[in-house]
N, C-alpha and C. Protein backbone atom coordinates (compact mmCIF):
# COMPACT_ATOMS: atom_id res chain seq x y z
N UNK A 1 -40.22 -27.06 10.45
CA UNK A 1 -39.04 -26.72 9.54
C UNK A 1 -37.62 -27.35 8.80
N UNK A 2 -37.82 -27.97 7.69
CA UNK A 2 -36.60 -29.11 7.38
C UNK A 2 -35.37 -28.49 7.65
N UNK A 3 -34.45 -28.87 7.83
CA UNK A 3 -33.20 -28.91 7.85
C UNK A 3 -32.64 -28.68 6.38
N UNK A 4 -31.08 -27.93 6.29
CA UNK A 4 -30.56 -27.93 5.05
C UNK A 4 -29.90 -28.77 4.54
N UNK A 5 -29.22 -29.68 3.56
CA UNK A 5 -28.79 -30.85 3.42
C UNK A 5 -27.21 -30.16 3.92
N UNK A 6 -26.31 -31.34 4.04
CA UNK A 6 -24.75 -30.67 3.95
C UNK A 6 -24.57 -30.89 3.05
N UNK A 7 -23.60 -29.95 2.45
CA UNK A 7 -23.02 -30.32 1.24
C UNK A 7 -21.96 -31.65 0.93
N UNK A 8 -21.44 -31.94 -0.08
CA UNK A 8 -21.02 -33.28 0.09
C UNK A 8 -20.10 -32.89 -0.08
N UNK A 9 -19.17 -32.00 -0.46
CA UNK A 9 -17.48 -31.87 -0.49
C UNK A 9 -17.62 -30.47 0.19
N UNK A 10 -16.37 -30.56 0.97
CA UNK A 10 -15.69 -29.58 2.12
C UNK A 10 -14.80 -28.40 0.84
N UNK A 11 -14.73 -26.94 1.42
CA UNK A 11 -14.39 -25.97 0.36
C UNK A 11 -12.72 -26.11 0.96
N UNK A 12 -11.74 -25.65 -0.20
CA UNK A 12 -10.22 -26.04 0.23
C UNK A 12 -10.32 -24.50 0.69
N UNK A 13 -9.53 -24.32 1.75
CA UNK A 13 -9.28 -23.04 2.30
C UNK A 13 -8.05 -22.36 3.00
N UNK A 14 -7.60 -21.64 3.01
CA UNK A 14 -5.93 -21.46 3.09
C UNK A 14 -6.12 -20.44 4.41
N UNK A 15 -7.44 -20.77 5.30
CA UNK A 15 -7.33 -19.60 6.23
C UNK A 15 -7.52 -20.53 7.12
N UNK A 16 -6.80 -20.74 8.47
CA UNK A 16 -6.62 -21.42 9.97
C UNK A 16 -7.19 -20.62 10.84
N UNK A 17 -7.50 -21.34 11.82
CA UNK A 17 -7.88 -21.08 13.36
C UNK A 17 -6.99 -20.09 13.87
N UNK A 18 -7.17 -19.24 14.92
CA UNK A 18 -6.39 -18.39 15.10
C UNK A 18 -5.47 -17.45 14.42
N UNK A 19 -5.84 -17.83 12.92
CA UNK A 19 -4.85 -16.42 12.04
C UNK A 19 -5.73 -14.92 12.42
N UNK A 20 -4.90 -14.16 12.13
CA UNK A 20 -5.61 -12.75 12.10
C UNK A 20 -6.01 -12.09 10.86
N UNK A 21 -7.29 -12.18 10.95
CA UNK A 21 -7.78 -11.75 9.55
C UNK A 21 -8.75 -10.21 9.21
N UNK A 22 -8.63 -9.65 8.16
CA UNK A 22 -9.97 -8.50 7.97
C UNK A 22 -10.88 -8.76 6.82
N UNK A 23 -11.86 -8.16 7.33
CA UNK A 23 -12.83 -8.78 6.53
C UNK A 23 -12.78 -7.85 5.71
N UNK A 24 -13.14 -7.70 4.38
CA UNK A 24 -13.32 -7.25 3.58
C UNK A 24 -14.62 -6.62 2.24
N UNK A 25 -15.52 -7.64 2.69
CA UNK A 25 -16.86 -7.41 2.34
C UNK A 25 -17.80 -7.42 3.38
N UNK A 26 -18.82 -7.01 3.14
CA UNK A 26 -20.56 -7.54 4.27
C UNK A 26 -20.53 -5.92 5.26
N UNK A 27 -21.24 -5.84 5.76
CA UNK A 27 -21.78 -4.75 6.83
C UNK A 27 -20.68 -4.65 7.81
N UNK A 28 -19.58 -5.75 8.10
CA UNK A 28 -18.28 -5.62 8.93
C UNK A 28 -16.85 -5.05 7.84
N UNK A 29 -16.85 -4.85 7.32
CA UNK A 29 -16.22 -4.69 6.11
C UNK A 29 -14.58 -3.57 6.73
N UNK A 30 -13.59 -3.63 6.95
CA UNK A 30 -12.58 -3.06 7.52
C UNK A 30 -11.99 -3.81 8.88
N UNK A 31 -13.21 -4.33 9.57
CA UNK A 31 -13.01 -5.03 11.28
C UNK A 31 -12.00 -5.77 11.04
N UNK A 32 -11.51 -6.12 11.89
CA UNK A 32 -10.24 -7.32 11.41
C UNK A 32 -10.50 -7.90 13.49
N UNK A 33 -9.98 -9.01 13.23
CA UNK A 33 -10.15 -10.24 14.57
C UNK A 33 -9.58 -11.78 13.91
N UNK A 34 -9.57 -12.39 15.14
CA UNK A 34 -8.85 -13.67 15.34
C UNK A 34 -9.90 -14.78 14.84
N UNK A 35 -9.53 -15.81 13.71
CA UNK A 35 -10.07 -16.62 13.53
C UNK A 35 -10.47 -17.35 14.69
N UNK A 36 -11.95 -17.66 15.18
CA UNK A 36 -12.23 -18.95 16.23
C UNK A 36 -12.39 -20.01 15.73
N UNK A 37 -13.39 -20.02 14.30
CA UNK A 37 -13.31 -21.73 14.37
C UNK A 37 -13.61 -21.80 12.82
N UNK A 38 -12.94 -22.72 11.70
CA UNK A 38 -13.28 -22.63 10.42
C UNK A 38 -14.30 -23.93 10.25
N UNK A 39 -15.35 -23.52 9.25
CA UNK A 39 -16.57 -24.68 8.79
C UNK A 39 -15.86 -24.92 7.42
N UNK A 40 -15.29 -25.97 7.19
CA UNK A 40 -14.30 -26.17 5.63
C UNK A 40 -15.87 -26.88 5.04
N UNK A 41 -16.86 -27.47 5.59
CA UNK A 41 -17.83 -28.17 4.76
C UNK A 41 -18.95 -27.17 4.38
N UNK A 42 -19.18 -26.11 5.00
CA UNK A 42 -19.85 -24.84 4.33
C UNK A 42 -18.88 -23.65 4.01
N UNK A 43 -17.86 -23.68 4.07
CA UNK A 43 -16.96 -22.39 3.75
C UNK A 43 -17.47 -21.00 4.54
N UNK A 44 -17.50 -21.43 6.03
CA UNK A 44 -17.33 -20.03 6.59
C UNK A 44 -16.91 -20.82 7.89
N UNK A 45 -16.60 -19.30 8.25
CA UNK A 45 -15.89 -19.00 9.60
C UNK A 45 -16.48 -18.26 10.39
N UNK A 46 -15.88 -18.46 11.62
CA UNK A 46 -16.13 -17.17 12.88
C UNK A 46 -14.99 -16.83 13.48
N UNK A 47 -15.39 -14.97 13.20
CA UNK A 47 -14.11 -14.11 13.29
C UNK A 47 -14.88 -13.28 14.88
N UNK A 48 -13.29 -13.52 16.12
CA UNK A 48 -14.09 -12.68 17.15
C UNK A 48 -14.42 -11.48 16.95
N UNK A 49 -15.46 -10.81 17.24
CA UNK A 49 -15.58 -9.58 17.38
C UNK A 49 -16.41 -8.87 16.20
N UNK A 50 -16.54 -10.16 15.48
CA UNK A 50 -16.98 -10.02 14.00
C UNK A 50 -18.84 -10.00 13.97
N UNK A 51 -19.55 -9.86 12.78
CA UNK A 51 -20.86 -9.78 12.38
C UNK A 51 -21.91 -10.33 13.73
N UNK A 52 -21.93 -9.56 14.85
CA UNK A 52 -22.15 -9.90 16.38
C UNK A 52 -23.77 -9.84 16.12
N UNK A 53 -24.57 -11.07 16.32
CA UNK A 53 -25.94 -11.07 16.74
C UNK A 53 -26.34 -11.44 18.44
N UNK A 54 -27.28 -11.00 18.13
CA UNK A 54 -28.34 -10.84 19.68
C UNK A 54 -29.10 -12.12 19.86
N UNK A 55 -28.73 -12.68 21.04
CA UNK A 55 -29.69 -14.15 21.17
C UNK A 55 -30.45 -13.58 22.41
N UNK A 56 -31.84 -13.84 22.32
CA UNK A 56 -32.99 -13.48 23.48
C UNK A 56 -32.56 -14.91 24.00
N UNK A 57 -32.24 -15.09 25.41
CA UNK A 57 -32.60 -16.51 26.48
C UNK A 57 -33.53 -16.41 27.77
N UNK A 58 -33.99 -17.92 27.82
CA UNK A 58 -35.06 -17.45 29.08
C UNK A 58 -33.99 -18.12 29.85
N UNK A 59 -34.03 -17.58 31.21
CA UNK A 59 -33.79 -18.01 32.39
C UNK A 59 -33.74 -19.68 32.76
N UNK A 60 -33.11 -20.57 33.04
CA UNK A 60 -33.51 -22.10 33.40
C UNK A 60 -32.45 -22.29 34.64
N UNK A 61 -33.14 -21.93 35.83
CA UNK A 61 -31.99 -22.38 37.32
C UNK A 61 -31.72 -23.98 37.11
N UNK A 62 -31.90 -24.77 36.87
CA UNK A 62 -32.05 -26.24 36.85
C UNK A 62 -30.33 -26.61 35.97
N UNK A 63 -30.28 -24.78 34.85
CA UNK A 63 -28.89 -25.49 34.01
C UNK A 63 -27.45 -24.22 34.09
N UNK A 64 -28.43 -23.63 35.45
CA UNK A 64 -27.69 -22.51 35.52
C UNK A 64 -27.11 -21.16 34.08
N UNK A 65 -28.76 -21.21 33.71
CA UNK A 65 -28.49 -20.34 32.52
C UNK A 65 -28.99 -18.89 33.04
N UNK A 66 -28.58 -17.74 33.18
CA UNK A 66 -28.83 -16.66 33.44
C UNK A 66 -29.75 -15.85 32.05
N UNK A 67 -31.21 -15.67 32.61
CA UNK A 67 -31.90 -15.13 30.70
C UNK A 67 -31.32 -13.90 30.94
N UNK A 68 -31.61 -13.27 29.13
CA UNK A 68 -31.20 -11.82 29.13
C UNK A 68 -31.09 -12.07 27.60
N UNK A 69 -30.45 -11.10 27.03
CA UNK A 69 -29.98 -10.72 25.82
C UNK A 69 -28.54 -11.05 25.69
N UNK A 70 -28.01 -12.02 24.92
CA UNK A 70 -26.58 -12.64 24.66
C UNK A 70 -26.27 -12.11 23.46
N UNK A 71 -24.97 -11.35 23.33
CA UNK A 71 -24.51 -11.39 22.01
C UNK A 71 -23.21 -12.05 21.37
N UNK A 72 -23.27 -12.74 20.74
CA UNK A 72 -22.08 -13.51 20.14
C UNK A 72 -22.08 -13.33 18.68
N UNK A 73 -20.91 -13.68 17.65
CA UNK A 73 -21.00 -14.26 16.82
C UNK A 73 -21.35 -15.07 16.16
N UNK A 74 -21.50 -14.54 14.88
CA UNK A 74 -22.01 -15.36 13.61
C UNK A 74 -21.31 -15.97 12.81
N UNK A 75 -21.61 -16.73 11.92
CA UNK A 75 -20.64 -17.09 10.68
C UNK A 75 -20.57 -15.86 9.83
N UNK A 76 -19.60 -16.16 9.19
CA UNK A 76 -19.37 -15.42 7.65
C UNK A 76 -18.62 -16.10 6.62
N UNK A 77 -18.73 -16.06 5.55
CA UNK A 77 -18.06 -16.81 4.43
C UNK A 77 -16.95 -16.48 4.26
N UNK A 78 -15.87 -17.52 4.20
CA UNK A 78 -14.73 -17.33 3.87
C UNK A 78 -13.55 -16.61 2.79
N UNK A 79 -14.96 -16.57 1.46
CA UNK A 79 -14.57 -15.12 0.77
C UNK A 79 -14.51 -13.87 0.80
N UNK A 80 -15.33 -13.33 2.53
CA UNK A 80 -15.07 -12.20 3.05
C UNK A 80 -14.06 -11.48 3.67
N UNK A 81 -13.24 -12.34 3.77
CA UNK A 81 -12.12 -12.05 4.44
C UNK A 81 -10.47 -12.25 4.00
N UNK A 82 -9.35 -11.97 4.23
CA UNK A 82 -8.33 -11.61 4.01
C UNK A 82 -7.36 -11.93 5.24
N UNK A 83 -6.53 -12.71 5.07
CA UNK A 83 -5.13 -12.87 6.20
C UNK A 83 -4.33 -11.27 6.51
N UNK A 84 -4.20 -11.44 7.63
CA UNK A 84 -3.51 -10.30 7.84
C UNK A 84 -1.77 -10.67 8.12
N UNK A 85 -0.82 -10.14 7.66
CA UNK A 85 0.29 -10.25 7.92
C UNK A 85 1.08 -9.73 9.53
N UNK A 86 2.34 -9.89 10.01
CA UNK A 86 2.80 -9.25 11.12
C UNK A 86 2.43 -7.58 11.40
N UNK A 87 2.67 -7.46 9.94
CA UNK A 87 3.06 -5.90 10.01
C UNK A 87 1.43 -5.22 9.99
N UNK A 88 -0.20 -6.30 10.07
CA UNK A 88 -1.10 -5.90 9.56
C UNK A 88 -1.55 -5.66 8.04
N UNK A 89 -0.90 -6.26 7.37
CA UNK A 89 -1.28 -6.06 5.49
C UNK A 89 -2.40 -7.02 5.26
N UNK A 90 -3.18 -6.66 4.49
CA UNK A 90 -4.43 -7.78 4.00
C UNK A 90 -3.61 -8.62 3.17
N UNK A 91 -3.66 -9.91 3.10
CA UNK A 91 -3.00 -10.23 1.54
C UNK A 91 -3.22 -11.82 1.63
N UNK A 92 -3.37 -12.24 0.21
CA UNK A 92 -3.91 -13.67 0.02
C UNK A 92 -2.36 -14.65 -0.14
N UNK A 93 -2.90 -15.93 0.48
CA UNK A 93 -1.79 -16.95 1.10
C UNK A 93 -1.14 -17.51 -0.26
N UNK A 94 -0.40 -17.79 -0.13
CA UNK A 94 0.35 -18.72 -1.31
C UNK A 94 1.49 -19.84 -0.66
N UNK A 95 1.73 -20.66 -0.99
CA UNK A 95 2.56 -21.81 -0.06
C UNK A 95 4.13 -22.08 -0.87
N UNK A 96 5.06 -22.18 -0.09
CA UNK A 96 6.35 -22.81 -0.39
C UNK A 96 6.73 -23.79 0.00
N UNK A 97 7.61 -24.65 -0.34
CA UNK A 97 8.32 -25.44 -0.50
C UNK A 97 9.39 -25.11 0.21
N UNK A 98 9.72 -25.87 1.87
CA UNK A 98 10.71 -25.80 2.34
C UNK A 98 11.26 -27.19 2.85
N UNK A 99 12.50 -27.25 2.26
CA UNK A 99 12.74 -28.34 2.54
C UNK A 99 14.02 -28.83 3.74
N UNK A 100 14.41 -29.80 4.60
CA UNK A 100 15.28 -29.81 5.69
C UNK A 100 15.84 -31.37 5.59
N UNK A 101 17.03 -31.05 5.02
CA UNK A 101 17.46 -32.75 4.73
C UNK A 101 16.32 -33.54 3.50
N UNK A 102 15.74 -34.62 4.68
CA UNK A 102 14.77 -35.31 3.48
C UNK A 102 13.20 -35.30 3.24
N UNK A 103 12.88 -34.66 4.14
CA UNK A 103 11.75 -34.04 4.80
C UNK A 103 11.55 -32.39 3.77
N UNK A 104 9.84 -32.62 3.13
CA UNK A 104 9.75 -31.41 2.43
C UNK A 104 8.55 -30.97 3.42
N UNK A 105 8.71 -29.80 3.68
CA UNK A 105 7.12 -28.80 4.03
C UNK A 105 6.65 -27.88 3.65
N UNK A 106 5.46 -27.68 3.30
CA UNK A 106 4.63 -26.87 2.47
C UNK A 106 4.40 -25.56 3.96
N UNK A 107 4.80 -24.43 3.87
CA UNK A 107 4.95 -23.41 4.71
C UNK A 107 4.06 -22.14 4.02
N UNK A 108 3.01 -21.75 4.39
CA UNK A 108 1.92 -20.53 4.38
C UNK A 108 2.62 -19.46 4.21
N UNK A 109 2.80 -18.67 2.95
CA UNK A 109 3.43 -17.61 2.78
C UNK A 109 2.34 -16.15 2.38
N UNK A 110 2.51 -14.97 2.87
CA UNK A 110 1.76 -13.58 2.44
C UNK A 110 2.37 -13.68 0.74
N UNK A 111 1.24 -13.44 -0.26
CA UNK A 111 1.74 -13.14 -1.67
C UNK A 111 2.41 -11.95 -1.56
N UNK A 112 1.72 -11.05 -0.76
CA UNK A 112 2.13 -9.43 -1.07
C UNK A 112 3.51 -9.34 -0.32
N UNK A 113 4.11 -9.99 0.83
CA UNK A 113 5.03 -9.68 1.45
C UNK A 113 5.73 -10.62 1.50
N UNK A 114 5.66 -12.25 1.08
CA UNK A 114 6.61 -13.15 0.79
C UNK A 114 6.49 -13.53 2.33
N UNK A 115 6.26 -13.25 3.60
CA UNK A 115 6.51 -13.21 4.76
C UNK A 115 5.85 -14.44 5.20
N UNK A 116 6.05 -15.48 6.16
CA UNK A 116 5.74 -17.02 6.23
C UNK A 116 4.75 -16.64 7.12
N UNK A 117 3.79 -16.92 6.99
CA UNK A 117 2.71 -16.93 8.33
C UNK A 117 2.37 -17.90 9.32
N UNK A 118 3.06 -19.27 8.88
CA UNK A 118 3.09 -20.24 9.89
C UNK A 118 4.33 -20.41 10.86
N UNK A 119 3.98 -19.76 12.02
CA UNK A 119 4.92 -19.46 12.88
C UNK A 119 4.99 -21.12 14.08
N UNK A 120 6.10 -21.75 13.54
CA UNK A 120 6.75 -23.11 14.53
C UNK A 120 6.74 -23.13 15.98
N UNK A 121 6.10 -23.26 16.51
CA UNK A 121 6.32 -22.92 18.02
C UNK A 121 5.87 -24.18 19.31
C-alpha cells in the first residue's frame, strides 16, 4: 500500500506541547488532557488519555517486547481541541506584545479571560 504524500506546508497552530486542552468535537468530546506532541505538518496532535486505540503485539524475546494488547493514544485534529486556562475554562488563543526595555515578546493569552498562557519558568 503506497504511503500518503506529506503536505508541502505546515499548519500554523497556537497550541504547544504540555498545554492543557479540552476536546470539543469527535468521539471523545468533553475529555481533557495534556498535549504530548504536535505535528504541524499534518495539523494533528496527541493528547494524553484521549482517542485511545488498541494495538495487538506479538511477543519478541530478542527485543524484550511482551506480547498482548497495548492501548495508546492516537492523533486527533488540532481544530477539535481548545486550550484550557488555569481555571479550567476553554478559550481561544490570542497574542499580546510585552515589551521590556528594548526587546519585545509575544505572549499567548486566553481570549476569554485575558490570562497569560505562557508561564516563564
